[in-house]
Amino acid sequence: MRGWRLSLAAAAAAALAGCSAVAPYATQPAAAMKGEPEGERVAICYDRLASSPAQVQKSAQAQCPPATRAARLGTDYRLDYCPLLLPGRATFACVPQKK
């Protein structure tokens, strides 16, 4: 019985430590669709329950070159480029900042 409790406690500790494993990260962006802005595109894998829209935006902005802003184009949940724990792939266009 004691071994079972120890195993349960270890599993809970591992789950809590793994919370940082669900932080948003860069991935391959979706293909450009007709009518979308041209230029560099970036994408972020994220979990909408663990990451706020501001965190996803900040991660995308960090991937864009200087003097551009990350403009969100859309989100898909196809699991081709993002794992099950981070099922959302938000695609952004890096558009020049207006002066």
Protein backbone atom coordinates (compact mmCIF):
# COMPACT_ATOMS: atom_id res chain seq x y z
CA MET A 1 0.00 0.00 0.00
CA ARG A 2 2.85 2.38 0.80
CA GLY A 3 4.45 1.81 -2.61
CA TRP A 4 1.19 2.75 -4.32
CA ARG A 5 0.99 6.04 -2.41
CA LEU A 6 4.60 6.82 -3.19
CA SER A 7 3.97 6.15 -6.88
CA LEU A 8 0.90 8.39 -6.84
CA ALA A 9 2.84 11.19 -5.12
CA ALA A 10 5.67 10.88 -7.65
CA ALA A 11 3.21 11.03 -10.55
CA ALA A 12 1.54 14.13 -9.11
CA ALA A 13 4.90 15.84 -8.62
CA ALA A 14 5.91 15.04 -12.19
CA ALA A 15 2.63 16.41 -13.52
CA LEU A 16 3.08 19.66 -11.61
CA ALA A 17 6.69 20.00 -12.74
CA GLY A 18 5.59 19.43 -16.32
CA CYS A 19 3.31 22.47 -16.33
CA SER A 20 6.11 24.47 -17.95
CA ALA A 21 6.15 21.85 -20.72
CA VAL A 22 2.92 23.35 -22.05
CA ALA A 23 4.37 26.81 -22.65
CA PRO A 24 3.72 28.16 -26.17
CA TYR A 25 6.50 27.52 -28.71
CA ALA A 26 7.24 28.21 -32.38
CA THR A 27 6.39 25.73 -35.12
CA GLN A 28 5.92 25.67 -38.89
CA PRO A 29 3.18 28.09 -40.02
CA ALA A 30 0.17 27.11 -42.09
CA ALA A 31 0.37 27.66 -45.84
CA ALA A 32 -0.59 31.11 -47.06
CA MET A 33 -4.17 31.52 -48.21
CA LYS A 34 -5.31 33.84 -50.98
CA GLY A 35 -5.92 37.35 -49.71
CA GLU A 36 -3.69 37.06 -46.62
CA PRO A 37 -0.82 39.50 -46.07
CA GLU A 38 2.42 38.64 -47.84
CA GLY A 39 5.73 38.35 -46.05
CA GLU A 40 7.15 36.26 -43.27
CA ARG A 41 4.78 34.01 -41.35
CA VAL A 42 5.26 32.42 -37.94
CA ALA A 43 3.19 29.95 -35.94
CA ILE A 44 2.88 29.07 -32.26
CA CYS A 45 1.73 25.80 -30.70
CA TYR A 46 -0.30 26.43 -27.56
CA ASP A 47 -3.05 25.15 -25.29
CA ARG A 48 -5.86 27.68 -24.93
CA LEU A 49 -6.53 26.48 -21.37
CA ALA A 50 -2.92 27.00 -20.25
CA SER A 51 -1.91 30.03 -22.36
CA SER A 52 -3.57 33.40 -22.60
CA PRO A 53 -3.99 35.15 -25.95
CA ALA A 54 -1.41 37.69 -24.75
CA GLN A 55 1.17 34.91 -24.14
CA VAL A 56 0.60 33.49 -27.62
CA GLN A 57 0.86 36.97 -29.16
CA LYS A 58 4.09 37.65 -27.25
CA SER A 59 5.59 34.34 -28.42
CA ALA A 60 4.69 35.17 -32.02
CA GLN A 61 6.07 38.69 -31.77
CA ALA A 62 9.38 37.27 -30.53
CA GLN A 63 9.60 35.21 -33.75
CA CYS A 64 8.94 38.16 -36.08
CA PRO A 65 11.78 40.40 -37.32
CA PRO A 66 12.31 43.86 -35.84
CA ALA A 67 10.07 46.67 -37.14
CA THR A 68 7.20 44.24 -37.74
CA ARG A 69 4.21 43.22 -35.69
CA ALA A 70 2.63 39.77 -35.43
CA ALA A 71 -0.88 39.90 -36.92
CA ARG A 72 -2.92 36.80 -36.11
CA LEU A 73 -4.35 35.09 -39.18
CA GLY A 74 -6.06 32.10 -37.60
CA THR A 75 -5.83 28.91 -35.56
CA ASP A 76 -6.10 25.25 -36.50
CA TYR A 77 -6.16 22.05 -34.43
CA ARG A 78 -4.93 19.46 -36.94
CA LEU A 79 -2.10 18.02 -34.76
CA ASP A 80 0.23 17.87 -37.78
CA TYR A 81 2.76 20.25 -36.25
CA CYS A 82 1.67 20.54 -32.61
CA PRO A 83 1.43 17.75 -30.00
CA LEU A 84 -1.70 16.66 -28.18
CA LEU A 85 -0.83 18.74 -25.09
CA LEU A 86 -0.57 21.90 -27.23
CA PRO A 87 -3.17 21.24 -29.93
CA GLY A 88 -3.68 24.78 -31.20
CA ARG A 89 -1.48 26.24 -33.94
CA ALA A 90 -1.91 29.99 -34.25
CA THR A 91 -0.51 31.42 -37.48
CA PHE A 92 0.64 35.03 -37.69
CA ALA A 93 1.90 37.31 -40.46
CA CYS A 94 4.81 39.59 -39.61
CA VAL A 95 3.54 42.85 -41.10
CA PRO A 96 5.59 46.07 -41.25
CA GLN A 97 4.79 48.55 -38.49
CA LYS A 98 3.28 51.78 -39.71
CA LYS A 99 5.31 54.86 -38.93
